[in-house]
N, C-alpha and C. Protein backbone atom coordinates (compact mmCIF):
# COMPACT_ATOMS: atom_id res chain seq x y z
N MET A 1 97.49 271.69 8.96
CA MET A 1 98.57 270.82 8.57
C MET A 1 99.79 271.14 9.43
N ILE A 2 100.41 270.09 9.98
CA ILE A 2 101.64 270.27 10.74
C ILE A 2 102.67 269.25 10.27
N SER A 3 103.91 269.52 10.62
CA SER A 3 105.02 268.61 10.34
C SER A 3 105.74 268.31 11.64
N ALA A 4 106.31 267.12 11.71
CA ALA A 4 107.07 266.73 12.89
C ALA A 4 108.32 265.98 12.46
N GLU A 5 109.38 266.19 13.22
CA GLU A 5 110.60 265.41 13.08
C GLU A 5 110.75 264.65 14.39
N VAL A 6 110.88 263.33 14.32
CA VAL A 6 110.92 262.52 15.53
C VAL A 6 112.11 261.57 15.50
N SER A 7 112.77 261.46 16.65
CA SER A 7 113.84 260.49 16.84
C SER A 7 113.53 259.70 18.10
N ILE A 8 113.66 258.38 18.01
CA ILE A 8 113.40 257.50 19.14
C ILE A 8 114.72 256.88 19.57
N TYR A 9 114.96 256.91 20.88
CA TYR A 9 116.18 256.38 21.46
C TYR A 9 115.85 255.33 22.51
N PRO A 10 115.82 254.05 22.14
CA PRO A 10 115.60 253.00 23.13
C PRO A 10 116.79 252.94 24.09
N LEU A 11 116.51 252.75 25.36
CA LEU A 11 117.54 252.73 26.39
C LEU A 11 117.71 251.31 26.93
N LYS A 12 118.90 251.00 27.35
CA LYS A 12 119.20 249.73 28.02
C LYS A 12 118.75 248.52 27.20
N THR A 13 119.07 248.52 25.91
CA THR A 13 118.71 247.39 25.05
C THR A 13 119.77 247.19 23.98
N THR A 14 119.90 245.96 23.55
CA THR A 14 120.77 245.66 22.41
C THR A 14 119.94 245.52 21.13
N GLN A 15 118.63 245.76 21.23
CA GLN A 15 117.70 245.60 20.12
C GLN A 15 117.14 246.95 19.64
N ALA A 16 117.93 248.00 19.75
CA ALA A 16 117.43 249.35 19.43
C ALA A 16 116.87 249.45 18.02
N THR A 17 117.55 248.87 17.05
CA THR A 17 117.08 248.96 15.67
C THR A 17 115.70 248.33 15.52
N ASN A 18 115.48 247.18 16.14
CA ASN A 18 114.17 246.52 16.07
C ASN A 18 113.09 247.37 16.72
N VAL A 19 113.39 247.97 17.86
CA VAL A 19 112.42 248.81 18.57
C VAL A 19 112.04 250.01 17.70
N ILE A 20 113.02 250.65 17.10
CA ILE A 20 112.78 251.81 16.24
C ILE A 20 111.95 251.42 15.02
N ASN A 21 112.33 250.33 14.37
CA ASN A 21 111.60 249.89 13.17
C ASN A 21 110.16 249.52 13.48
N GLU A 22 109.92 248.89 14.61
CA GLU A 22 108.54 248.56 15.00
C GLU A 22 107.72 249.83 15.20
N ALA A 23 108.32 250.84 15.81
CA ALA A 23 107.62 252.11 16.02
C ALA A 23 107.29 252.78 14.69
N ILE A 24 108.25 252.77 13.77
CA ILE A 24 108.03 253.37 12.45
C ILE A 24 106.94 252.60 11.69
N ASN A 25 106.92 251.28 11.83
CA ASN A 25 105.91 250.47 11.14
C ASN A 25 104.49 250.83 11.56
N LYS A 26 104.32 251.44 12.72
CA LYS A 26 102.98 251.86 13.16
C LYS A 26 102.41 252.94 12.25
N LEU A 27 103.26 253.59 11.45
CA LEU A 27 102.80 254.64 10.54
C LEU A 27 102.20 254.09 9.25
N ASP A 28 102.49 252.83 8.94
CA ASP A 28 101.97 252.24 7.70
C ASP A 28 100.44 252.25 7.71
N GLY A 29 99.87 252.73 6.62
CA GLY A 29 98.42 252.75 6.48
C GLY A 29 97.72 253.87 7.22
N GLN A 30 98.48 254.75 7.85
CA GLN A 30 97.89 255.86 8.60
C GLN A 30 97.74 257.09 7.69
N ALA A 31 96.96 258.05 8.13
CA ALA A 31 96.67 259.26 7.34
C ALA A 31 97.73 260.33 7.54
N VAL A 32 99.00 259.92 7.51
CA VAL A 32 100.11 260.87 7.56
C VAL A 32 101.11 260.46 6.48
N ASP A 33 101.77 261.45 5.92
CA ASP A 33 102.89 261.18 5.03
C ASP A 33 104.13 261.12 5.90
N TYR A 34 105.03 260.19 5.60
CA TYR A 34 106.26 260.13 6.38
C TYR A 34 107.44 259.71 5.53
N HIS A 35 108.60 260.12 5.97
CA HIS A 35 109.86 259.79 5.32
C HIS A 35 110.86 259.42 6.40
N VAL A 36 111.50 258.29 6.24
CA VAL A 36 112.48 257.83 7.22
C VAL A 36 113.85 258.31 6.77
N GLY A 37 114.50 259.09 7.63
CA GLY A 37 115.85 259.56 7.37
C GLY A 37 116.86 258.73 8.15
N SER A 38 118.11 259.13 8.11
CA SER A 38 119.15 258.35 8.77
C SER A 38 119.10 258.46 10.29
N ILE A 39 118.63 259.59 10.83
CA ILE A 39 118.55 259.73 12.29
C ILE A 39 117.20 260.23 12.78
N SER A 40 116.29 260.53 11.85
CA SER A 40 114.97 261.03 12.22
C SER A 40 113.94 260.52 11.22
N THR A 41 112.70 260.55 11.65
CA THR A 41 111.57 260.28 10.77
C THR A 41 110.74 261.55 10.70
N TYR A 42 110.31 261.91 9.50
CA TYR A 42 109.56 263.14 9.28
C TYR A 42 108.11 262.79 8.96
N LEU A 43 107.19 263.41 9.67
CA LEU A 43 105.76 263.19 9.47
C LEU A 43 105.11 264.49 9.04
N GLU A 44 104.06 264.37 8.22
CA GLU A 44 103.28 265.54 7.83
C GLU A 44 101.83 265.11 7.66
N GLY A 45 100.92 265.94 8.17
CA GLY A 45 99.50 265.63 8.02
C GLY A 45 98.66 266.56 8.86
N GLU A 46 97.39 266.21 8.96
CA GLU A 46 96.49 266.98 9.81
C GLU A 46 96.95 266.86 11.26
N GLU A 47 96.75 267.93 12.00
CA GLU A 47 97.27 268.02 13.37
C GLU A 47 96.90 266.81 14.22
N GLU A 48 95.64 266.42 14.22
CA GLU A 48 95.19 265.31 15.05
C GLU A 48 95.87 264.01 14.66
N GLU A 49 96.08 263.81 13.36
CA GLU A 49 96.70 262.58 12.87
C GLU A 49 98.18 262.52 13.26
N VAL A 50 98.88 263.63 13.13
CA VAL A 50 100.30 263.64 13.49
C VAL A 50 100.46 263.36 14.98
N TRP A 51 99.70 264.05 15.84
CA TRP A 51 99.80 263.82 17.28
C TRP A 51 99.45 262.38 17.63
N SER A 52 98.39 261.86 17.04
CA SER A 52 97.96 260.49 17.31
C SER A 52 99.04 259.48 16.92
N ASN A 53 99.66 259.69 15.79
CA ASN A 53 100.69 258.76 15.34
C ASN A 53 101.98 258.88 16.13
N LEU A 54 102.31 260.06 16.61
CA LEU A 54 103.46 260.19 17.51
C LEU A 54 103.22 259.39 18.79
N GLN A 55 102.00 259.44 19.30
CA GLN A 55 101.66 258.68 20.50
C GLN A 55 101.76 257.17 20.23
N LYS A 56 101.31 256.73 19.06
CA LYS A 56 101.41 255.31 18.69
C LYS A 56 102.86 254.87 18.63
N MET A 57 103.71 255.72 18.06
CA MET A 57 105.13 255.39 17.97
C MET A 57 105.75 255.27 19.36
N PHE A 58 105.43 256.22 20.23
CA PHE A 58 106.00 256.20 21.59
C PHE A 58 105.52 254.97 22.35
N SER A 59 104.24 254.67 22.25
CA SER A 59 103.69 253.50 22.95
C SER A 59 104.32 252.21 22.45
N SER A 60 104.50 252.11 21.15
CA SER A 60 105.12 250.92 20.57
C SER A 60 106.55 250.75 21.09
N ALA A 61 107.33 251.81 21.03
CA ALA A 61 108.71 251.73 21.50
C ALA A 61 108.77 251.46 23.00
N GLY A 62 107.86 252.04 23.75
CA GLY A 62 107.84 251.87 25.20
C GLY A 62 107.49 250.47 25.66
N GLN A 63 106.88 249.68 24.80
CA GLN A 63 106.55 248.30 25.17
C GLN A 63 107.81 247.46 25.37
N SER A 64 108.91 247.90 24.78
CA SER A 64 110.17 247.16 24.89
C SER A 64 111.02 247.59 26.07
N GLY A 65 110.60 248.63 26.78
CA GLY A 65 111.37 249.13 27.91
C GLY A 65 111.48 250.64 27.87
N GLU A 66 112.49 251.14 28.54
CA GLU A 66 112.68 252.59 28.63
C GLU A 66 113.06 253.16 27.26
N VAL A 67 112.53 254.35 26.99
CA VAL A 67 112.78 254.99 25.70
C VAL A 67 112.71 256.50 25.87
N SER A 68 113.54 257.19 25.09
CA SER A 68 113.44 258.65 24.98
C SER A 68 113.01 258.96 23.55
N MET A 69 112.14 259.96 23.42
CA MET A 69 111.67 260.37 22.10
C MET A 69 111.80 261.88 22.00
N VAL A 70 112.48 262.34 20.97
CA VAL A 70 112.69 263.76 20.75
C VAL A 70 111.86 264.17 19.53
N VAL A 71 111.02 265.20 19.70
CA VAL A 71 110.11 265.62 18.64
C VAL A 71 110.21 267.13 18.44
N THR A 72 110.28 267.54 17.19
CA THR A 72 110.17 268.95 16.81
C THR A 72 108.93 269.07 15.94
N ILE A 73 108.06 270.03 16.29
CA ILE A 73 106.78 270.20 15.58
C ILE A 73 106.70 271.62 15.04
N THR A 74 106.14 271.75 13.84
CA THR A 74 105.92 273.08 13.28
C THR A 74 104.61 273.11 12.50
N ASN A 75 104.01 274.28 12.49
CA ASN A 75 102.84 274.49 11.63
C ASN A 75 103.19 275.45 10.50
N ALA A 76 104.48 275.75 10.35
CA ALA A 76 104.94 276.64 9.29
C ALA A 76 104.86 275.92 7.94
N ALA A 77 104.51 276.67 6.92
CA ALA A 77 104.45 276.10 5.57
C ALA A 77 105.85 275.78 5.08
N LYS A 78 105.92 274.85 4.19
CA LYS A 78 107.23 274.47 3.63
C LYS A 78 107.78 275.59 2.79
């Protein structure tokens, strides 16, 4: 089990909120628990699922143009 905190920063766009929300929507129905905060989204689940879903989020956001994604990962227990 791992946890991740992720922030997505779309660059050179006036549609940043839409890009971020589309990336977060990729988590719906996936085998990870997530919570959307004011500046980050928190994921928790099996290691393979968390990594896979981070990649889905990055790919989704990247379809709209340049993007930076900041991720902190831990395997420490809560």
